[in-house]
């Protein structure tokens, strides 16, 4: 067993939640999402992000709109749908429960 492999799996499991958290704050362009995740040290590449955004959109958790750009073609900005907001609330409750469980086990 390799710590790096486990860490990678943990990050993949949290990625969807983190993307929804970012989009809850504001609509974002995919490159902006990648940049924010990198700043948070949750490294993501476009090859990972775009299929996840497509899946979330197909599940009606995200929508997007095209916005004209001053530097090139229009950009696709993603935002949460009402279903995405509800899903995020459920994930937040699950995250709280999980962190409480881990902290309990860690501190006892």
PDB file of N, CA and C in Angstrom:
ATOM      1  N   UNK A   1       0.857  -1.184   0.000  1.00  0.00           N
ATOM      2  CA  UNK A   1       0.000   0.000   0.000  1.00  0.00           C
ATOM      3  C   UNK A   1       0.895   1.237   0.000  1.00  0.00           C
ATOM      4  N   UNK A   2       0.475   2.221  -0.752  1.00  0.00           N
ATOM      5  CA  UNK A   2       1.271   3.423  -0.955  1.00  0.00           C
ATOM      6  C   UNK A   2       0.458   4.637  -0.480  1.00  0.00           C
ATOM      7  N   UNK A   3       1.060   5.470   0.371  1.00  0.00           N
ATOM      8  CA  UNK A   3       0.380   6.652   0.900  1.00  0.00           C
ATOM      9  C   UNK A   3      -0.037   7.591  -0.224  1.00  0.00           C
ATOM     10  N   UNK A   4       0.793   7.747  -1.233  1.00  0.00           N
ATOM     11  CA  UNK A   4       0.455   8.638  -2.341  1.00  0.00           C
ATOM     12  C   UNK A   4      -0.784   8.163  -3.084  1.00  0.00           C
ATOM     13  N   UNK A   5      -0.932   6.855  -3.251  1.00  0.00           N
ATOM     14  CA  UNK A   5      -2.117   6.313  -3.917  1.00  0.00           C
ATOM     15  C   UNK A   5      -3.376   6.581  -3.098  1.00  0.00           C
ATOM     16  N   UNK A   6      -3.285   6.374  -1.802  1.00  0.00           N
ATOM     17  CA  UNK A   6      -4.438   6.616  -0.930  1.00  0.00           C
ATOM     18  C   UNK A   6      -4.788   8.100  -0.928  1.00  0.00           C
ATOM     19  N   UNK A   7      -3.788   8.944  -0.836  1.00  0.00           N
ATOM     20  CA  UNK A   7      -4.016  10.387  -0.863  1.00  0.00           C
ATOM     21  C   UNK A   7      -4.689  10.803  -2.170  1.00  0.00           C
ATOM     22  N   UNK A   8      -4.239  10.230  -3.286  1.00  0.00           N
ATOM     23  CA  UNK A   8      -4.830  10.525  -4.588  1.00  0.00           C
ATOM     24  C   UNK A   8      -6.304  10.117  -4.628  1.00  0.00           C
ATOM     25  N   UNK A   9      -6.623   8.962  -4.087  1.00  0.00           N
ATOM     26  CA  UNK A   9      -8.017   8.505  -4.050  1.00  0.00           C
ATOM     27  C   UNK A   9      -8.875   9.407  -3.158  1.00  0.00           C
ATOM     28  N   UNK A  10      -8.319   9.858  -2.047  1.00  0.00           N
ATOM     29  CA  UNK A  10      -9.048  10.764  -1.159  1.00  0.00           C
ATOM     30  C   UNK A  10      -9.351  12.080  -1.883  1.00  0.00           C
ATOM     31  N   UNK A  11      -8.379  12.599  -2.605  1.00  0.00           N
ATOM     32  CA  UNK A  11      -8.571  13.853  -3.343  1.00  0.00           C
ATOM     33  C   UNK A  11      -9.627  13.685  -4.429  1.00  0.00           C
ATOM     34  N   UNK A  12      -9.590  12.566  -5.149  1.00  0.00           N
ATOM     35  CA  UNK A  12     -10.585  12.317  -6.190  1.00  0.00           C
ATOM     36  C   UNK A  12     -11.978  12.270  -5.587  1.00  0.00           C
ATOM     37  N   UNK A  13     -12.099  11.681  -4.407  1.00  0.00           N
ATOM     38  CA  UNK A  13     -13.391  11.597  -3.739  1.00  0.00           C
ATOM     39  C   UNK A  13     -13.925  12.953  -3.315  1.00  0.00           C
ATOM     40  N   UNK A  14     -13.049  13.890  -3.042  1.00  0.00           N
ATOM     41  CA  UNK A  14     -13.450  15.222  -2.593  1.00  0.00           C
ATOM     42  C   UNK A  14     -13.620  16.213  -3.731  1.00  0.00           C
ATOM     43  N   UNK A  15     -13.151  15.873  -4.911  1.00  0.00           N
ATOM     44  CA  UNK A  15     -13.113  16.814  -6.021  1.00  0.00           C
ATOM     45  C   UNK A  15     -14.502  17.337  -6.394  1.00  0.00           C
ATOM     46  N   UNK A  16     -15.468  16.454  -6.510  1.00  0.00           N
ATOM     47  CA  UNK A  16     -16.826  16.867  -6.867  1.00  0.00           C
ATOM     48  C   UNK A  16     -17.377  17.861  -5.842  1.00  0.00           C
ATOM     49  N   UNK A  17     -17.189  17.550  -4.569  1.00  0.00           N
ATOM     50  CA  UNK A  17     -17.645  18.426  -3.494  1.00  0.00           C
ATOM     51  C   UNK A  17     -16.976  19.797  -3.594  1.00  0.00           C
ATOM     52  N   UNK A  18     -15.663  19.812  -3.824  1.00  0.00           N
ATOM     53  CA  UNK A  18     -14.928  21.072  -3.909  1.00  0.00           C
ATOM     54  C   UNK A  18     -15.373  21.918  -5.099  1.00  0.00           C
ATOM     55  N   UNK A  19     -15.635  21.284  -6.225  1.00  0.00           N
ATOM     56  CA  UNK A  19     -16.124  22.015  -7.400  1.00  0.00           C
ATOM     57  C   UNK A  19     -17.474  22.645  -7.104  1.00  0.00           C
ATOM     58  N   UNK A  20     -18.358  21.887  -6.480  1.00  0.00           N
ATOM     59  CA  UNK A  20     -19.672  22.435  -6.135  1.00  0.00           C
ATOM     60  C   UNK A  20     -19.552  23.589  -5.144  1.00  0.00           C
ATOM     61  N   UNK A  21     -18.629  23.485  -4.197  1.00  0.00           N
ATOM     62  CA  UNK A  21     -18.404  24.587  -3.259  1.00  0.00           C
ATOM     63  C   UNK A  21     -17.963  25.849  -3.990  1.00  0.00           C
ATOM     64  N   UNK A  22     -17.052  25.705  -4.942  1.00  0.00           N
ATOM     65  CA  UNK A  22     -16.588  26.866  -5.702  1.00  0.00           C
ATOM     66  C   UNK A  22     -17.718  27.492  -6.510  1.00  0.00           C
ATOM     67  N   UNK A  23     -18.526  26.663  -7.143  1.00  0.00           N
ATOM     68  CA  UNK A  23     -19.598  27.188  -7.986  1.00  0.00           C
ATOM     69  C   UNK A  23     -20.766  27.724  -7.168  1.00  0.00           C
ATOM     70  N   UNK A  24     -20.849  27.321  -5.919  1.00  0.00           N
ATOM     71  CA  UNK A  24     -21.867  27.879  -5.018  1.00  0.00           C
ATOM     72  C   UNK A  24     -21.575  29.359  -4.761  1.00  0.00           C
ATOM     73  N   UNK A  25     -20.296  29.701  -4.722  1.00  0.00           N
ATOM     74  CA  UNK A  25     -19.884  31.083  -4.463  1.00  0.00           C
ATOM     75  C   UNK A  25     -20.095  31.973  -5.678  1.00  0.00           C
ATOM     76  N   UNK A  26     -19.759  31.449  -6.877  1.00  0.00           N
ATOM     77  CA  UNK A  26     -19.897  32.245  -8.099  1.00  0.00           C
ATOM     78  C   UNK A  26     -19.785  31.354  -9.325  1.00  0.00           C
ATOM     79  N   UNK A  27     -20.403  31.788 -10.415  1.00  0.00           N
ATOM     80  CA  UNK A  27     -20.242  31.108 -11.695  1.00  0.00           C
ATOM     81  C   UNK A  27     -18.781  31.200 -12.102  1.00  0.00           C
ATOM     82  N   UNK A  28     -18.279  30.147 -12.735  1.00  0.00           N
ATOM     83  CA  UNK A  28     -16.856  30.140 -13.081  1.00  0.00           C
ATOM     84  C   UNK A  28     -16.599  29.462 -14.413  1.00  0.00           C
ATOM     85  N   UNK A  29     -15.561  29.927 -15.057  1.00  0.00           N
ATOM     86  CA  UNK A  29     -15.008  29.361 -16.275  1.00  0.00           C
ATOM     87  C   UNK A  29     -14.117  28.185 -15.857  1.00  0.00           C
ATOM     88  N   UNK A  30     -14.024  27.139 -16.663  1.00  0.00           N
ATOM     89  CA  UNK A  30     -13.272  25.937 -16.285  1.00  0.00           C
ATOM     90  C   UNK A  30     -11.830  26.258 -15.883  1.00  0.00           C
ATOM     91  N   UNK A  31     -11.160  27.145 -16.611  1.00  0.00           N
ATOM     92  CA  UNK A  31      -9.775  27.493 -16.260  1.00  0.00           C
ATOM     93  C   UNK A  31      -9.696  28.150 -14.885  1.00  0.00           C
ATOM     94  N   UNK A  32     -10.721  28.939 -14.532  1.00  0.00           N
ATOM     95  CA  UNK A  32     -10.752  29.563 -13.200  1.00  0.00           C
ATOM     96  C   UNK A  32     -10.933  28.507 -12.119  1.00  0.00           C
ATOM     97  N   UNK A  33     -11.750  27.504 -12.399  1.00  0.00           N
ATOM     98  CA  UNK A  33     -11.959  26.412 -11.437  1.00  0.00           C
ATOM     99  C   UNK A  33     -10.641  25.681 -11.205  1.00  0.00           C
ATOM    100  N   UNK A  34      -9.944  25.369 -12.292  1.00  0.00           N
ATOM    101  CA  UNK A  34      -8.651  24.687 -12.167  1.00  0.00           C
ATOM    102  C   UNK A  34      -7.685  25.525 -11.347  1.00  0.00           C
ATOM    103  N   UNK A  35      -7.625  26.829 -11.614  1.00  0.00           N
ATOM    104  CA  UNK A  35      -6.715  27.710 -10.886  1.00  0.00           C
ATOM    105  C   UNK A  35      -7.038  27.733  -9.394  1.00  0.00           C
ATOM    106  N   UNK A  36      -8.309  27.835  -9.051  1.00  0.00           N
ATOM    107  CA  UNK A  36      -8.706  27.864  -7.637  1.00  0.00           C
ATOM    108  C   UNK A  36      -8.390  26.548  -6.950  1.00  0.00           C
ATOM    109  N   UNK A  37      -8.579  25.436  -7.642  1.00  0.00           N
ATOM    110  CA  UNK A  37      -8.248  24.136  -7.058  1.00  0.00           C
ATOM    111  C   UNK A  37      -6.744  23.996  -6.873  1.00  0.00           C
ATOM    112  N   UNK A  38      -5.965  24.515  -7.811  1.00  0.00           N
ATOM    113  CA  UNK A  38      -4.506  24.487  -7.660  1.00  0.00           C
ATOM    114  C   UNK A  38      -4.062  25.352  -6.491  1.00  0.00           C
ATOM    115  N   UNK A  39      -4.681  26.523  -6.348  1.00  0.00           N
ATOM    116  CA  UNK A  39      -4.355  27.403  -5.216  1.00  0.00           C
ATOM    117  C   UNK A  39      -4.661  26.723  -3.885  1.00  0.00           C
ATOM    118  N   UNK A  40      -5.675  25.880  -3.876  1.00  0.00           N
ATOM    119  CA  UNK A  40      -6.042  25.144  -2.663  1.00  0.00           C
ATOM    120  C   UNK A  40      -5.224  23.861  -2.510  1.00  0.00           C
ATOM    121  N   UNK A  41      -4.272  23.657  -3.423  1.00  0.00           N
ATOM    122  CA  UNK A  41      -3.389  22.496  -3.428  1.00  0.00           C
ATOM    123  C   UNK A  41      -4.139  21.196  -3.701  1.00  0.00           C
ATOM    124  N   UNK A  42      -5.235  21.303  -4.420  1.00  0.00           N
ATOM    125  CA  UNK A  42      -5.969  20.139  -4.907  1.00  0.00           C
ATOM    126  C   UNK A  42      -5.735  20.122  -6.419  1.00  0.00           C
ATOM    127  N   UNK A  43      -4.588  19.611  -6.815  1.00  0.00           N
ATOM    128  CA  UNK A  43      -4.127  19.702  -8.197  1.00  0.00           C
ATOM    129  C   UNK A  43      -5.073  18.939  -9.123  1.00  0.00           C
ATOM    130  N   UNK A  44      -5.479  19.610 -10.178  1.00  0.00           N
ATOM    131  CA  UNK A  44      -6.394  19.029 -11.160  1.00  0.00           C
ATOM    132  C   UNK A  44      -5.922  19.445 -12.549  1.00  0.00           C
ATOM    133  N   UNK A  45      -6.068  18.561 -13.499  1.00  0.00           N
ATOM    134  CA  UNK A  45      -5.750  18.880 -14.886  1.00  0.00           C
ATOM    135  C   UNK A  45      -7.045  18.918 -15.686  1.00  0.00           C
ATOM    136  N   UNK A  46      -6.998  19.562 -16.833  1.00  0.00           N
ATOM    137  CA  UNK A  46      -8.198  19.706 -17.660  1.00  0.00           C
ATOM    138  C   UNK A  46      -8.808  18.360 -18.008  1.00  0.00           C
ATOM    139  N   UNK A  47      -7.971  17.359 -18.239  1.00  0.00           N
ATOM    140  CA  UNK A  47      -8.461  16.033 -18.592  1.00  0.00           C
ATOM    141  C   UNK A  47      -9.284  15.389 -17.502  1.00  0.00           C
ATOM    142  N   UNK A  48      -9.115  15.840 -16.278  1.00  0.00           N
ATOM    143  CA  UNK A  48      -9.915  15.355 -15.151  1.00  0.00           C
ATOM    144  C   UNK A  48     -11.154  16.213 -14.972  1.00  0.00           C
ATOM    145  N   UNK A  49     -11.014  17.519 -15.125  1.00  0.00           N
ATOM    146  CA  UNK A  49     -12.104  18.440 -14.819  1.00  0.00           C
ATOM    147  C   UNK A  49     -13.241  18.386 -15.834  1.00  0.00           C
ATOM    148  N   UNK A  50     -12.929  18.431 -17.117  1.00  0.00           N
ATOM    149  CA  UNK A  50     -13.992  18.529 -18.122  1.00  0.00           C
ATOM    150  C   UNK A  50     -14.966  17.346 -18.099  1.00  0.00           C
ATOM    151  N   UNK A  51     -14.502  16.102 -17.983  1.00  0.00           N
ATOM    152  CA  UNK A  51     -15.473  15.009 -17.890  1.00  0.00           C
ATOM    153  C   UNK A  51     -16.338  15.107 -16.631  1.00  0.00           C
ATOM    154  N   UNK A  52     -15.761  15.579 -15.529  1.00  0.00           N
ATOM    155  CA  UNK A  52     -16.530  15.735 -14.301  1.00  0.00           C
ATOM    156  C   UNK A  52     -17.582  16.828 -14.453  1.00  0.00           C
ATOM    157  N   UNK A  53     -17.223  17.954 -15.062  1.00  0.00           N
ATOM    158  CA  UNK A  53     -18.195  19.022 -15.304  1.00  0.00           C
ATOM    159  C   UNK A  53     -19.326  18.531 -16.212  1.00  0.00           C
ATOM    160  N   UNK A  54     -18.980  17.765 -17.228  1.00  0.00           N
ATOM    161  CA  UNK A  54     -19.999  17.218 -18.130  1.00  0.00           C
ATOM    162  C   UNK A  54     -20.936  16.274 -17.384  1.00  0.00           C
ATOM    163  N   UNK A  55     -20.382  15.417 -16.540  1.00  0.00           N
ATOM    164  CA  UNK A  55     -21.215  14.487 -15.766  1.00  0.00           C
ATOM    165  C   UNK A  55     -22.143  15.244 -14.822  1.00  0.00           C
ATOM    166  N   UNK A  56     -21.612  16.267 -14.140  1.00  0.00           N
ATOM    167  CA  UNK A  56     -22.437  17.056 -13.227  1.00  0.00           C
ATOM    168  C   UNK A  56     -23.547  17.789 -13.983  1.00  0.00           C
ATOM    169  N   UNK A  57     -23.239  18.251 -15.194  1.00  0.00           N
ATOM    170  CA  UNK A  57     -24.253  18.908 -16.016  1.00  0.00           C
ATOM    171  C   UNK A  57     -25.313  17.896 -16.455  1.00  0.00           C
ATOM    172  N   UNK A  58     -24.881  16.715 -16.891  1.00  0.00           N
ATOM    173  CA  UNK A  58     -25.823  15.674 -17.314  1.00  0.00           C
ATOM    174  C   UNK A  58     -26.716  15.205 -16.166  1.00  0.00           C
ATOM    175  N   UNK A  59     -26.216  15.332 -14.934  1.00  0.00           N
ATOM    176  CA  UNK A  59     -27.003  14.976 -13.744  1.00  0.00           C
ATOM    177  C   UNK A  59     -27.868  16.143 -13.265  1.00  0.00           C
ATOM    178  N   UNK A  60     -27.911  17.229 -14.045  1.00  0.00           N
ATOM    179  CA  UNK A  60     -28.695  18.428 -13.737  1.00  0.00           C
ATOM    180  C   UNK A  60     -28.258  19.143 -12.460  1.00  0.00           C
ATOM    181  N   UNK A  61     -26.988  18.969 -12.093  1.00  0.00           N
ATOM    182  CA  UNK A  61     -26.457  19.671 -10.925  1.00  0.00           C
ATOM    183  C   UNK A  61     -25.808  20.990 -11.332  1.00  0.00           C
ATOM    184  N   UNK A  62     -25.384  21.069 -12.600  1.00  0.00           N
ATOM    185  CA  UNK A  62     -24.774  22.282 -13.138  1.00  0.00           C
ATOM    186  C   UNK A  62     -25.495  22.693 -14.411  1.00  0.00           C
ATOM    187  N   UNK A  63     -25.408  23.976 -14.686  1.00  0.00           N
ATOM    188  CA  UNK A  63     -25.796  24.490 -15.995  1.00  0.00           C
ATOM    189  C   UNK A  63     -24.655  25.396 -16.429  1.00  0.00           C
ATOM    190  N   UNK A  64     -24.748  25.902 -17.640  1.00  0.00           N
ATOM    191  CA  UNK A  64     -23.712  26.826 -18.089  1.00  0.00           C
ATOM    192  C   UNK A  64     -24.324  27.861 -19.009  1.00  0.00           C
ATOM    193  N   UNK A  65     -23.586  28.941 -19.164  1.00  0.00           N
ATOM    194  CA  UNK A  65     -23.974  29.976 -20.115  1.00  0.00           C
ATOM    195  C   UNK A  65     -22.718  30.441 -20.834  1.00  0.00           C
ATOM    196  N   UNK A  66     -22.901  30.818 -22.090  1.00  0.00           N
ATOM    197  CA  UNK A  66     -21.803  31.354 -22.876  1.00  0.00           C
ATOM    198  C   UNK A  66     -21.708  32.849 -22.619  1.00  0.00           C
ATOM    199  N   UNK A  67     -20.491  33.304 -22.327  1.00  0.00           N
ATOM    200  CA  UNK A  67     -20.248  34.727 -22.061  1.00  0.00           C
ATOM    201  C   UNK A  67     -19.178  35.200 -23.033  1.00  0.00           C
ATOM    202  N   UNK A  68     -19.469  36.315 -23.695  1.00  0.00           N
ATOM    203  CA  UNK A  68     -18.503  36.889 -24.630  1.00  0.00           C
ATOM    204  C   UNK A  68     -17.209  37.234 -23.896  1.00  0.00           C
ATOM    205  N   UNK A  69     -16.099  37.013 -24.571  1.00  0.00           N
ATOM    206  CA  UNK A  69     -14.788  37.289 -24.015  1.00  0.00           C
ATOM    207  C   UNK A  69     -14.124  38.420 -24.795  1.00  0.00           C
ATOM    208  N   UNK A  70     -13.382  39.248 -24.081  1.00  0.00           N
ATOM    209  CA  UNK A  70     -12.631  40.304 -24.761  1.00  0.00           C
ATOM    210  C   UNK A  70     -11.363  39.738 -25.396  1.00  0.00           C
ATOM    211  N   UNK A  71     -11.010  38.512 -25.015  1.00  0.00           N
ATOM    212  CA  UNK A  71      -9.779  37.881 -25.508  1.00  0.00           C
ATOM    213  C   UNK A  71     -10.098  36.544 -26.160  1.00  0.00           C
ATOM    214  N   UNK A  72     -10.730  36.564 -27.306  1.00  0.00           N
ATOM    215  CA  UNK A  72     -10.977  35.316 -28.010  1.00  0.00           C
ATOM    216  C   UNK A  72     -12.438  34.932 -28.030  1.00  0.00           C
ATOM    217  N   UNK A  73     -12.685  33.628 -28.193  1.00  0.00           N
ATOM    218  CA  UNK A  73     -14.061  33.154 -28.345  1.00  0.00           C
ATOM    219  C   UNK A  73     -14.849  33.255 -27.034  1.00  0.00           C
ATOM    220  N   UNK A  74     -16.179  33.112 -27.105  1.00  0.00           N
ATOM    221  CA  UNK A  74     -16.991  33.114 -25.886  1.00  0.00           C
ATOM    222  C   UNK A  74     -16.542  32.012 -24.932  1.00  0.00           C
ATOM    223  N   UNK A  75     -16.774  32.236 -23.656  1.00  0.00           N
ATOM    224  CA  UNK A  75     -16.388  31.277 -22.624  1.00  0.00           C
ATOM    225  C   UNK A  75     -17.625  30.674 -21.979  1.00  0.00           C
ATOM    226  N   UNK A  76     -17.491  29.400 -21.611  1.00  0.00           N
ATOM    227  CA  UNK A  76     -18.579  28.685 -20.958  1.00  0.00           C
ATOM    228  C   UNK A  76     -18.413  28.830 -19.442  1.00  0.00           C
ATOM    229  N   UNK A  77     -19.379  29.502 -18.804  1.00  0.00           N
ATOM    230  CA  UNK A  77     -19.356  29.680 -17.353  1.00  0.00           C
ATOM    231  C   UNK A  77     -20.359  28.730 -16.715  1.00  0.00           C
ATOM    232  N   UNK A  78     -19.879  27.961 -15.742  1.00  0.00           N
ATOM    233  CA  UNK A  78     -20.705  26.977 -15.056  1.00  0.00           C
ATOM    234  C   UNK A  78     -21.299  27.572 -13.787  1.00  0.00           C
ATOM    235  N   UNK A  79     -22.500  27.117 -13.446  1.00  0.00           N
ATOM    236  CA  UNK A  79     -23.130  27.513 -12.189  1.00  0.00           C
ATOM    237  C   UNK A  79     -24.008  26.380 -11.692  1.00  0.00           C
ATOM    238  N   UNK A  80     -24.350  26.444 -10.420  1.00  0.00           N
ATOM    239  CA  UNK A  80     -25.187  25.408  -9.812  1.00  0.00           C
ATOM    240  C   UNK A  80     -26.644  25.612 -10.195  1.00  0.00           C
ATOM    241  N   UNK A  81     -27.323  24.511 -10.413  1.00  0.00           N
ATOM    242  CA  UNK A  81     -28.770  24.532 -10.598  1.00  0.00           C
ATOM    243  C   UNK A  81     -29.412  24.419  -9.217  1.00  0.00           C
ATOM    244  N   UNK A  82     -30.723  24.601  -9.105  1.00  0.00           N
ATOM    245  CA  UNK A  82     -31.376  24.355  -7.810  1.00  0.00           C
ATOM    246  C   UNK A  82     -31.119  22.930  -7.301  1.00  0.00           C
ATOM    247  N   UNK A  83     -31.092  21.947  -8.217  1.00  0.00           N
ATOM    248  CA  UNK A  83     -30.786  20.573  -7.812  1.00  0.00           C
ATOM    249  C   UNK A  83     -29.338  20.468  -7.308  1.00  0.00           C
ATOM    250  N   UNK A  84     -28.446  21.231  -7.940  1.00  0.00           N
ATOM    251  CA  UNK A  84     -27.053  21.251  -7.501  1.00  0.00           C
ATOM    252  C   UNK A  84     -26.904  21.850  -6.119  1.00  0.00           C
ATOM    253  N   UNK A  85     -27.675  22.901  -5.836  1.00  0.00           N
ATOM    254  CA  UNK A  85     -27.658  23.506  -4.491  1.00  0.00           C
ATOM    255  C   UNK A  85     -28.142  22.497  -3.448  1.00  0.00           C
ATOM    256  N   UNK A  86     -29.208  21.770  -3.769  1.00  0.00           N
ATOM    257  CA  UNK A  86     -29.738  20.767  -2.838  1.00  0.00           C
ATOM    258  C   UNK A  86     -28.732  19.628  -2.637  1.00  0.00           C
ATOM    259  N   UNK A  87     -28.105  19.211  -3.727  1.00  0.00           N
ATOM    260  CA  UNK A  87     -27.101  18.153  -3.652  1.00  0.00           C
ATOM    261  C   UNK A  87     -25.922  18.596  -2.795  1.00  0.00           C
ATOM    262  N   UNK A  88     -25.489  19.835  -2.983  1.00  0.00           N
ATOM    263  CA  UNK A  88     -24.390  20.385  -2.194  1.00  0.00           C
ATOM    264  C   UNK A  88     -24.750  20.398  -0.714  1.00  0.00           C
ATOM    265  N   UNK A  89     -25.967  20.746  -0.376  1.00  0.00           N
ATOM    266  CA  UNK A  89     -26.391  20.726   1.032  1.00  0.00           C
ATOM    267  C   UNK A  89     -26.257  19.330   1.623  1.00  0.00           C
ATOM    268  N   UNK A  90     -26.648  18.326   0.839  1.00  0.00           N
ATOM    269  CA  UNK A  90     -26.500  16.943   1.295  1.00  0.00           C
ATOM    270  C   UNK A  90     -25.045  16.558   1.482  1.00  0.00           C
ATOM    271  N   UNK A  91     -24.188  16.994   0.547  1.00  0.00           N
ATOM    272  CA  UNK A  91     -22.758  16.708   0.684  1.00  0.00           C
ATOM    273  C   UNK A  91     -22.160  17.410   1.890  1.00  0.00           C
ATOM    274  N   UNK A  92     -22.605  18.642   2.154  1.00  0.00           N
ATOM    275  CA  UNK A  92     -22.089  19.366   3.320  1.00  0.00           C
ATOM    276  C   UNK A  92     -22.445  18.634   4.605  1.00  0.00           C
ATOM    277  N   UNK A  93     -23.664  18.109   4.691  1.00  0.00           N
ATOM    278  CA  UNK A  93     -24.071  17.343   5.875  1.00  0.00           C
ATOM    279  C   UNK A  93     -23.232  16.070   5.998  1.00  0.00           C
ATOM    280  N   UNK A  94     -22.985  15.406   4.878  1.00  0.00           N
ATOM    281  CA  UNK A  94     -22.162  14.192   4.896  1.00  0.00           C
ATOM    282  C   UNK A  94     -20.727  14.511   5.295  1.00  0.00           C
ATOM    283  N   UNK A  95     -20.195  15.632   4.775  1.00  0.00           N
ATOM    284  CA  UNK A  95     -18.834  16.034   5.122  1.00  0.00           C
ATOM    285  C   UNK A  95     -18.718  16.322   6.616  1.00  0.00           C
ATOM    286  N   UNK A  96     -19.700  17.028   7.160  1.00  0.00           N
ATOM    287  CA  UNK A  96     -19.696  17.343   8.596  1.00  0.00           C
ATOM    288  C   UNK A  96     -19.706  16.057   9.427  1.00  0.00           C
ATOM    289  N   UNK A  97     -20.551  15.126   9.038  1.00  0.00           N
ATOM    290  CA  UNK A  97     -20.631  13.847   9.750  1.00  0.00           C
ATOM    291  C   UNK A  97     -19.312  13.087   9.660  1.00  0.00           C
ATOM    292  N   UNK A  98     -18.726  13.071   8.470  1.00  0.00           N
ATOM    293  CA  UNK A  98     -17.460  12.367   8.266  1.00  0.00           C
ATOM    294  C   UNK A  98     -16.332  12.997   9.074  1.00  0.00           C
ATOM    295  N   UNK A  99     -16.230  14.321   9.060  1.00  0.00           N
ATOM    296  CA  UNK A  99     -15.154  14.971   9.826  1.00  0.00           C
ATOM    297  C   UNK A  99     -15.359  14.767  11.326  1.00  0.00           C
ATOM    298  N   UNK A 100     -16.593  14.779  11.784  1.00  0.00           N
ATOM    299  CA  UNK A 100     -16.854  14.524  13.196  1.00  0.00           C
ATOM    300  C   UNK A 100     -16.437  13.102  13.569  1.00  0.00           C
ATOM    301  N   UNK A 101     -16.740  12.149  12.711  1.00  0.00           N
ATOM    302  CA  UNK A 101     -16.365  10.749  12.964  1.00  0.00           C
ATOM    303  C   UNK A 101     -14.856  10.586  13.014  1.00  0.00           C
ATOM    304  N   UNK A 102     -14.156  11.145  12.019  1.00  0.00           N
ATOM    305  CA  UNK A 102     -12.701  11.041  11.976  1.00  0.00           C
ATOM    306  C   UNK A 102     -12.073  11.733  13.182  1.00  0.00           C
ATOM    307  N   UNK A 103     -12.547  12.914  13.528  1.00  0.00           N
ATOM    308  CA  UNK A 103     -12.008  13.616  14.698  1.00  0.00           C
ATOM    309  C   UNK A 103     -12.277  12.847  15.982  1.00  0.00           C
ATOM    310  N   UNK A 104     -13.441  12.229  16.088  1.00  0.00           N
ATOM    311  CA  UNK A 104     -13.744  11.414  17.276  1.00  0.00           C
ATOM    312  C   UNK A 104     -12.759  10.251  17.371  1.00  0.00           C
ATOM    313  N   UNK A 105     -12.550   9.542  16.278  1.00  0.00           N
ATOM    314  CA  UNK A 105     -11.629   8.401  16.289  1.00  0.00           C
ATOM    315  C   UNK A 105     -10.192   8.845  16.542  1.00  0.00           C
ATOM    316  N   UNK A 106      -9.837   9.959  15.985  1.00  0.00           N
ATOM    317  CA  UNK A 106      -8.474  10.479  16.137  1.00  0.00           C
ATOM    318  C   UNK A 106      -8.188  10.916  17.575  1.00  0.00           C
ATOM    319  N   UNK A 107      -9.187  11.479  18.232  1.00  0.00           N
ATOM    320  CA  UNK A 107      -8.979  12.059  19.565  1.00  0.00           C
ATOM    321  C   UNK A 107      -9.323  11.126  20.709  1.00  0.00           C
ATOM    322  N   UNK A 108      -9.777   9.924  20.411  1.00  0.00           N
ATOM    323  CA  UNK A 108     -10.119   8.961  21.495  1.00  0.00           C
ATOM    324  C   UNK A 108      -9.237   7.762  21.466  1.00  0.00           C
TER     325      UNK A 108
END
